[in-house]
Amino acid sequence: MAGSPVFAQIISAVIVFVLVAYVLFVLGSFSFSKTIESVSPSVDVKVVEEKGGDGVEGSLEERCRRLAEDACLTEREREVFLLLAHGRNARYIQETLVVSYNTVKTHVSHVYAKLGVHSHQELIDLVESKG
């Protein structure tokens, strides 16, 4: 009986039935949004909001604006600078600003020179340290 095709079909039907019942009754009430809402933050949200989300005074945009003014960045360099401060790379900036890759590289090199940094990580560290 164990080798008969009818027995294999019955076992397959039982497995499918169990899986369908599991999905309907156990996972039927599952919701990603409910799960995310039930997660509590591990830090005091008020403190993080007051300090700009990363523990430093002022928002990221405000810190970038102050640094850009101090470094005399052009408007386009400010746009590139803000995207770099958000952790974006040159390819992303190229697509967002609809310019060539070489243009982005030129703007990035000007931003680095005017801010006195040599890498993307140094730029991010500079922005995070300015409160």
N, C-alpha and C. Protein backbone atom coordinates (compact mmCIF):
# COMPACT_ATOMS: atom_id res chain seq x y z
N MET A 1 0.82 -1.19 0.00
CA MET A 1 0.00 0.00 0.00
C MET A 1 0.87 1.26 0.00
N ALA A 2 2.03 1.20 0.65
CA ALA A 2 2.88 2.38 0.75
C ALA A 2 3.42 2.80 -0.60
N GLY A 3 3.50 1.91 -1.55
CA GLY A 3 4.05 2.25 -2.85
C GLY A 3 2.99 2.56 -3.88
N SER A 4 1.72 2.53 -3.52
CA SER A 4 0.66 2.74 -4.51
C SER A 4 0.46 4.22 -4.81
N PRO A 5 0.06 4.55 -6.04
CA PRO A 5 -0.16 5.94 -6.42
C PRO A 5 -1.32 6.58 -5.65
N VAL A 6 -2.31 5.78 -5.28
CA VAL A 6 -3.45 6.32 -4.54
C VAL A 6 -2.99 6.80 -3.16
N PHE A 7 -2.15 6.03 -2.54
CA PHE A 7 -1.63 6.40 -1.22
C PHE A 7 -0.81 7.70 -1.31
N ALA A 8 -0.01 7.84 -2.34
CA ALA A 8 0.78 9.05 -2.54
C ALA A 8 -0.12 10.26 -2.77
N GLN A 9 -1.21 10.07 -3.50
CA GLN A 9 -2.15 11.16 -3.73
C GLN A 9 -2.85 11.57 -2.43
N ILE A 10 -3.20 10.60 -1.62
CA ILE A 10 -3.85 10.92 -0.34
C ILE A 10 -2.89 11.69 0.56
N ILE A 11 -1.65 11.25 0.65
CA ILE A 11 -0.64 11.95 1.46
C ILE A 11 -0.44 13.37 0.93
N SER A 12 -0.35 13.54 -0.38
CA SER A 12 -0.19 14.86 -0.98
C SER A 12 -1.37 15.76 -0.64
N ALA A 13 -2.59 15.23 -0.72
CA ALA A 13 -3.80 16.00 -0.42
C ALA A 13 -3.81 16.42 1.04
N VAL A 14 -3.40 15.54 1.94
CA VAL A 14 -3.35 15.87 3.37
C VAL A 14 -2.33 16.98 3.61
N ILE A 15 -1.19 16.89 3.00
CA ILE A 15 -0.15 17.92 3.17
C ILE A 15 -0.66 19.26 2.66
N VAL A 16 -1.28 19.28 1.48
CA VAL A 16 -1.83 20.52 0.93
C VAL A 16 -2.90 21.08 1.86
N PHE A 17 -3.77 20.21 2.37
CA PHE A 17 -4.83 20.64 3.28
C PHE A 17 -4.24 21.28 4.54
N VAL A 18 -3.22 20.67 5.11
CA VAL A 18 -2.58 21.19 6.31
C VAL A 18 -1.93 22.55 6.03
N LEU A 19 -1.25 22.68 4.91
CA LEU A 19 -0.63 23.95 4.55
C LEU A 19 -1.67 25.06 4.34
N VAL A 20 -2.76 24.74 3.65
CA VAL A 20 -3.81 25.73 3.43
C VAL A 20 -4.44 26.13 4.75
N ALA A 21 -4.71 25.18 5.62
CA ALA A 21 -5.29 25.48 6.93
C ALA A 21 -4.34 26.36 7.74
N TYR A 22 -3.04 26.07 7.69
CA TYR A 22 -2.05 26.87 8.42
C TYR A 22 -2.04 28.31 7.91
N VAL A 23 -2.04 28.47 6.60
CA VAL A 23 -2.02 29.82 6.03
C VAL A 23 -3.29 30.58 6.40
N LEU A 24 -4.44 29.92 6.32
CA LEU A 24 -5.70 30.61 6.60
C LEU A 24 -5.88 30.95 8.08
N PHE A 25 -5.54 30.03 8.96
CA PHE A 25 -5.85 30.23 10.37
C PHE A 25 -4.70 30.83 11.17
N VAL A 26 -3.49 30.49 10.84
CA VAL A 26 -2.36 31.01 11.61
C VAL A 26 -1.83 32.29 10.99
N LEU A 27 -1.57 32.29 9.70
CA LEU A 27 -1.02 33.47 9.04
C LEU A 27 -2.09 34.43 8.55
N GLY A 28 -3.34 34.03 8.58
CA GLY A 28 -4.42 34.88 8.09
C GLY A 28 -4.50 36.21 8.81
N SER A 29 -4.17 36.24 10.09
CA SER A 29 -4.26 37.49 10.84
C SER A 29 -2.91 38.21 10.90
N PHE A 30 -1.90 37.67 10.26
CA PHE A 30 -0.58 38.29 10.27
C PHE A 30 -0.57 39.54 9.41
N SER A 31 0.06 40.60 9.92
CA SER A 31 0.17 41.84 9.18
C SER A 31 1.50 42.48 9.51
N PHE A 32 2.26 42.87 8.47
CA PHE A 32 3.53 43.53 8.70
C PHE A 32 3.33 44.86 9.42
N SER A 33 2.29 45.59 9.03
CA SER A 33 2.06 46.90 9.67
C SER A 33 1.75 46.74 11.15
N LYS A 34 0.96 45.72 11.52
CA LYS A 34 0.68 45.49 12.95
C LYS A 34 1.96 45.11 13.69
N THR A 35 2.78 44.31 13.06
CA THR A 35 4.03 43.89 13.68
C THR A 35 4.95 45.08 13.89
N ILE A 36 5.07 45.95 12.90
CA ILE A 36 5.92 47.13 13.01
C ILE A 36 5.39 48.08 14.06
N GLU A 37 4.06 48.27 14.13
CA GLU A 37 3.47 49.15 15.13
C GLU A 37 3.71 48.65 16.55
N SER A 38 3.82 47.34 16.71
CA SER A 38 3.99 46.79 18.05
C SER A 38 5.42 46.86 18.55
N VAL A 39 6.37 47.23 17.68
CA VAL A 39 7.76 47.33 18.09
C VAL A 39 7.96 48.65 18.83
N SER A 40 8.54 48.57 20.02
CA SER A 40 8.79 49.80 20.78
C SER A 40 10.23 50.23 20.57
N PRO A 41 10.49 51.55 20.49
CA PRO A 41 11.86 52.02 20.26
C PRO A 41 12.74 51.74 21.46
N SER A 42 14.03 51.53 21.20
CA SER A 42 14.97 51.22 22.28
C SER A 42 15.57 52.48 22.89
N VAL A 43 15.30 53.65 22.28
CA VAL A 43 15.79 54.92 22.82
C VAL A 43 14.61 55.85 23.02
N ASP A 44 14.82 56.89 23.79
CA ASP A 44 13.78 57.87 24.02
C ASP A 44 13.56 58.67 22.75
N VAL A 45 12.39 58.53 22.12
CA VAL A 45 12.10 59.15 20.84
C VAL A 45 12.16 60.67 20.95
N LYS A 46 11.72 61.25 22.04
CA LYS A 46 11.74 62.70 22.19
C LYS A 46 13.17 63.24 22.14
N VAL A 47 14.10 62.56 22.79
CA VAL A 47 15.49 63.00 22.79
C VAL A 47 16.06 62.94 21.38
N VAL A 48 15.78 61.88 20.65
CA VAL A 48 16.28 61.73 19.29
C VAL A 48 15.70 62.80 18.39
N GLU A 49 14.40 63.10 18.51
CA GLU A 49 13.78 64.12 17.68
C GLU A 49 14.35 65.49 17.97
N GLU A 50 14.60 65.80 19.25
CA GLU A 50 15.15 67.10 19.61
C GLU A 50 16.56 67.28 19.11
N LYS A 51 17.30 66.18 19.01
CA LYS A 51 18.69 66.27 18.60
C LYS A 51 18.89 65.95 17.14
N GLY A 52 17.83 65.90 16.37
CA GLY A 52 17.97 65.76 14.92
C GLY A 52 18.10 64.34 14.43
N GLY A 53 17.72 63.35 15.22
CA GLY A 53 17.69 61.98 14.74
C GLY A 53 18.97 61.20 14.93
N ASP A 54 20.10 61.87 15.13
CA ASP A 54 21.34 61.12 15.29
C ASP A 54 22.12 61.57 16.52
N GLY A 55 21.46 62.26 17.44
CA GLY A 55 22.10 62.64 18.69
C GLY A 55 22.87 63.93 18.63
N VAL A 56 22.85 64.64 17.51
CA VAL A 56 23.57 65.90 17.36
C VAL A 56 22.54 67.00 17.19
N GLU A 57 22.81 68.16 17.79
CA GLU A 57 21.86 69.27 17.73
C GLU A 57 21.59 69.68 16.29
N GLY A 58 20.32 69.94 15.96
CA GLY A 58 19.93 70.41 14.64
C GLY A 58 19.71 69.26 13.68
N SER A 59 18.85 69.49 12.70
CA SER A 59 18.58 68.45 11.71
C SER A 59 19.76 68.31 10.76
N LEU A 60 19.76 67.23 10.04
CA LEU A 60 20.83 66.99 9.06
C LEU A 60 20.84 68.10 8.02
N GLU A 61 19.66 68.49 7.56
CA GLU A 61 19.57 69.55 6.56
C GLU A 61 20.11 70.87 7.10
N GLU A 62 19.79 71.17 8.37
CA GLU A 62 20.27 72.41 8.98
C GLU A 62 21.80 72.41 9.11
N ARG A 63 22.36 71.29 9.55
CA ARG A 63 23.81 71.20 9.67
C ARG A 63 24.48 71.32 8.31
N CYS A 64 23.89 70.70 7.29
CA CYS A 64 24.44 70.79 5.93
C CYS A 64 24.35 72.22 5.42
N ARG A 65 23.24 72.90 5.70
CA ARG A 65 23.08 74.28 5.27
C ARG A 65 24.16 75.17 5.87
N ARG A 66 24.41 74.99 7.18
CA ARG A 66 25.45 75.81 7.84
C ARG A 66 26.83 75.52 7.26
N LEU A 67 27.15 74.24 7.07
CA LEU A 67 28.45 73.87 6.49
C LEU A 67 28.58 74.40 5.07
N ALA A 68 27.52 74.30 4.29
CA ALA A 68 27.54 74.77 2.90
C ALA A 68 27.77 76.28 2.84
N GLU A 69 27.13 77.02 3.75
CA GLU A 69 27.33 78.47 3.78
C GLU A 69 28.77 78.81 4.15
N ASP A 70 29.29 78.11 5.17
CA ASP A 70 30.66 78.37 5.60
C ASP A 70 31.67 78.05 4.50
N ALA A 71 31.38 77.03 3.68
CA ALA A 71 32.31 76.62 2.63
C ALA A 71 32.04 77.32 1.30
N CYS A 72 31.02 78.17 1.26
CA CYS A 72 30.66 78.91 0.04
C CYS A 72 30.36 77.97 -1.14
N LEU A 73 29.56 76.95 -0.89
CA LEU A 73 29.18 76.02 -1.95
C LEU A 73 28.14 76.67 -2.86
N THR A 74 28.21 76.34 -4.15
CA THR A 74 27.19 76.81 -5.10
C THR A 74 25.90 76.04 -4.83
N GLU A 75 24.81 76.46 -5.45
CA GLU A 75 23.52 75.78 -5.26
C GLU A 75 23.60 74.31 -5.66
N ARG A 76 24.21 74.03 -6.81
CA ARG A 76 24.30 72.65 -7.27
C ARG A 76 25.21 71.83 -6.35
N GLU A 77 26.30 72.44 -5.89
CA GLU A 77 27.19 71.75 -4.96
C GLU A 77 26.46 71.47 -3.65
N ARG A 78 25.56 72.37 -3.24
CA ARG A 78 24.77 72.14 -2.02
C ARG A 78 23.85 70.94 -2.20
N GLU A 79 23.24 70.82 -3.39
CA GLU A 79 22.38 69.67 -3.66
C GLU A 79 23.18 68.38 -3.59
N VAL A 80 24.35 68.39 -4.21
CA VAL A 80 25.21 67.20 -4.20
C VAL A 80 25.66 66.90 -2.77
N PHE A 81 26.03 67.94 -2.05
CA PHE A 81 26.48 67.80 -0.66
C PHE A 81 25.40 67.17 0.21
N LEU A 82 24.17 67.63 0.08
CA LEU A 82 23.07 67.09 0.88
C LEU A 82 22.84 65.61 0.57
N LEU A 83 22.90 65.27 -0.71
CA LEU A 83 22.74 63.86 -1.08
C LEU A 83 23.89 63.01 -0.55
N LEU A 84 25.10 63.54 -0.61
CA LEU A 84 26.25 62.81 -0.06
C LEU A 84 26.10 62.64 1.44
N ALA A 85 25.62 63.68 2.13
CA ALA A 85 25.43 63.61 3.58
C ALA A 85 24.39 62.58 3.96
N HIS A 86 23.44 62.33 3.05
CA HIS A 86 22.44 61.29 3.28
C HIS A 86 22.97 59.90 2.94
N GLY A 87 24.24 59.83 2.51
CA GLY A 87 24.86 58.53 2.23
C GLY A 87 24.71 58.07 0.80
N ARG A 88 24.23 58.93 -0.09
CA ARG A 88 24.04 58.54 -1.49
C ARG A 88 25.36 58.51 -2.24
N ASN A 89 25.42 57.65 -3.26
CA ASN A 89 26.65 57.56 -4.06
C ASN A 89 26.49 58.35 -5.37
N ALA A 90 27.55 58.40 -6.15
CA ALA A 90 27.57 59.22 -7.36
C ALA A 90 26.55 58.75 -8.38
N ARG A 91 26.35 57.45 -8.52
CA ARG A 91 25.37 56.94 -9.49
C ARG A 91 23.96 57.38 -9.11
N TYR A 92 23.64 57.33 -7.82
CA TYR A 92 22.33 57.76 -7.36
C TYR A 92 22.15 59.26 -7.62
N ILE A 93 23.17 60.04 -7.32
CA ILE A 93 23.12 61.49 -7.53
C ILE A 93 22.95 61.79 -9.01
N GLN A 94 23.64 61.06 -9.87
CA GLN A 94 23.53 61.24 -11.32
C GLN A 94 22.07 61.06 -11.75
N GLU A 95 21.43 60.01 -11.29
CA GLU A 95 20.05 59.74 -11.68
C GLU A 95 19.08 60.75 -11.08
N THR A 96 19.33 61.16 -9.84
CA THR A 96 18.43 62.09 -9.17
C THR A 96 18.50 63.49 -9.77
N LEU A 97 19.70 63.97 -10.04
CA LEU A 97 19.87 65.32 -10.56
C LEU A 97 19.85 65.39 -12.09
N VAL A 98 19.80 64.23 -12.72
CA VAL A 98 19.76 64.11 -14.18
C VAL A 98 20.93 64.88 -14.81
N VAL A 99 22.12 64.47 -14.41
CA VAL A 99 23.36 65.01 -14.98
C VAL A 99 24.27 63.84 -15.29
N SER A 100 25.36 64.11 -16.00
CA SER A 100 26.28 63.03 -16.34
C SER A 100 27.10 62.62 -15.11
N TYR A 101 27.63 61.42 -15.20
CA TYR A 101 28.45 60.90 -14.11
C TYR A 101 29.68 61.78 -13.89
N ASN A 102 30.29 62.25 -14.98
CA ASN A 102 31.47 63.11 -14.87
C ASN A 102 31.14 64.43 -14.19
N THR A 103 29.94 64.97 -14.45
CA THR A 103 29.51 66.20 -13.79
C THR A 103 29.38 65.97 -12.29
N VAL A 104 28.82 64.85 -11.91
CA VAL A 104 28.69 64.52 -10.49
C VAL A 104 30.07 64.41 -9.86
N LYS A 105 30.99 63.71 -10.53
CA LYS A 105 32.34 63.58 -9.99
C LYS A 105 32.99 64.94 -9.79
N THR A 106 32.77 65.86 -10.74
CA THR A 106 33.33 67.20 -10.62
C THR A 106 32.74 67.92 -9.41
N HIS A 107 31.41 67.87 -9.26
CA HIS A 107 30.77 68.51 -8.12
C HIS A 107 31.26 67.90 -6.80
N VAL A 108 31.38 66.59 -6.77
CA VAL A 108 31.84 65.91 -5.55
C VAL A 108 33.26 66.35 -5.20
N SER A 109 34.13 66.44 -6.21
CA SER A 109 35.50 66.87 -5.93
C SER A 109 35.54 68.31 -5.43
N HIS A 110 34.67 69.18 -5.96
CA HIS A 110 34.60 70.57 -5.48
C HIS A 110 34.09 70.63 -4.04
N VAL A 111 33.07 69.83 -3.75
CA VAL A 111 32.52 69.79 -2.39
C VAL A 111 33.59 69.32 -1.41
N TYR A 112 34.28 68.23 -1.76
CA TYR A 112 35.34 67.71 -0.89
C TYR A 112 36.41 68.78 -0.65
N ALA A 113 36.83 69.44 -1.72
CA ALA A 113 37.90 70.44 -1.60
C ALA A 113 37.46 71.61 -0.72
N LYS A 114 36.25 72.10 -0.94
CA LYS A 114 35.78 73.25 -0.18
C LYS A 114 35.53 72.91 1.30
N LEU A 115 35.17 71.66 1.57
CA LEU A 115 34.93 71.24 2.96
C LEU A 115 36.20 70.70 3.63
N GLY A 116 37.23 70.49 2.84
CA GLY A 116 38.49 69.99 3.39
C GLY A 116 38.45 68.53 3.79
N VAL A 117 37.68 67.73 3.04
CA VAL A 117 37.62 66.29 3.30
C VAL A 117 38.16 65.55 2.09
N HIS A 118 38.46 64.27 2.29
CA HIS A 118 39.05 63.49 1.21
C HIS A 118 38.24 62.25 0.83
N SER A 119 37.18 61.99 1.57
CA SER A 119 36.37 60.81 1.28
C SER A 119 34.93 61.04 1.70
N HIS A 120 34.08 60.17 1.21
CA HIS A 120 32.66 60.24 1.55
C HIS A 120 32.47 60.05 3.06
N GLN A 121 33.21 59.12 3.65
CA GLN A 121 33.09 58.89 5.09
C GLN A 121 33.52 60.11 5.89
N GLU A 122 34.58 60.77 5.47
CA GLU A 122 35.02 62.00 6.15
C GLU A 122 33.93 63.06 6.08
N LEU A 123 33.26 63.17 4.93
CA LEU A 123 32.18 64.14 4.77
C LEU A 123 31.05 63.83 5.74
N ILE A 124 30.66 62.56 5.82
CA ILE A 124 29.58 62.16 6.73
C ILE A 124 29.99 62.42 8.18
N ASP A 125 31.24 62.09 8.53
CA ASP A 125 31.73 62.36 9.89
C ASP A 125 31.71 63.85 10.21
N LEU A 126 32.07 64.66 9.23
CA LEU A 126 32.06 66.12 9.43
C LEU A 126 30.64 66.62 9.71
N VAL A 127 29.68 66.15 8.93
CA VAL A 127 28.30 66.57 9.11
C VAL A 127 27.77 66.11 10.47
N GLU A 128 28.10 64.88 10.86
CA GLU A 128 27.63 64.36 12.14
C GLU A 128 28.26 65.08 13.31
N SER A 129 29.48 65.56 13.15
CA SER A 129 30.16 66.21 14.26
C SER A 129 29.75 67.66 14.46
N LYS A 130 29.16 68.26 13.42
CA LYS A 130 28.75 69.67 13.52
C LYS A 130 27.35 69.75 14.12
N GLY A 131 27.27 70.21 15.37
CA GLY A 131 25.96 70.30 16.04
C GLY A 131 25.55 71.71 16.27
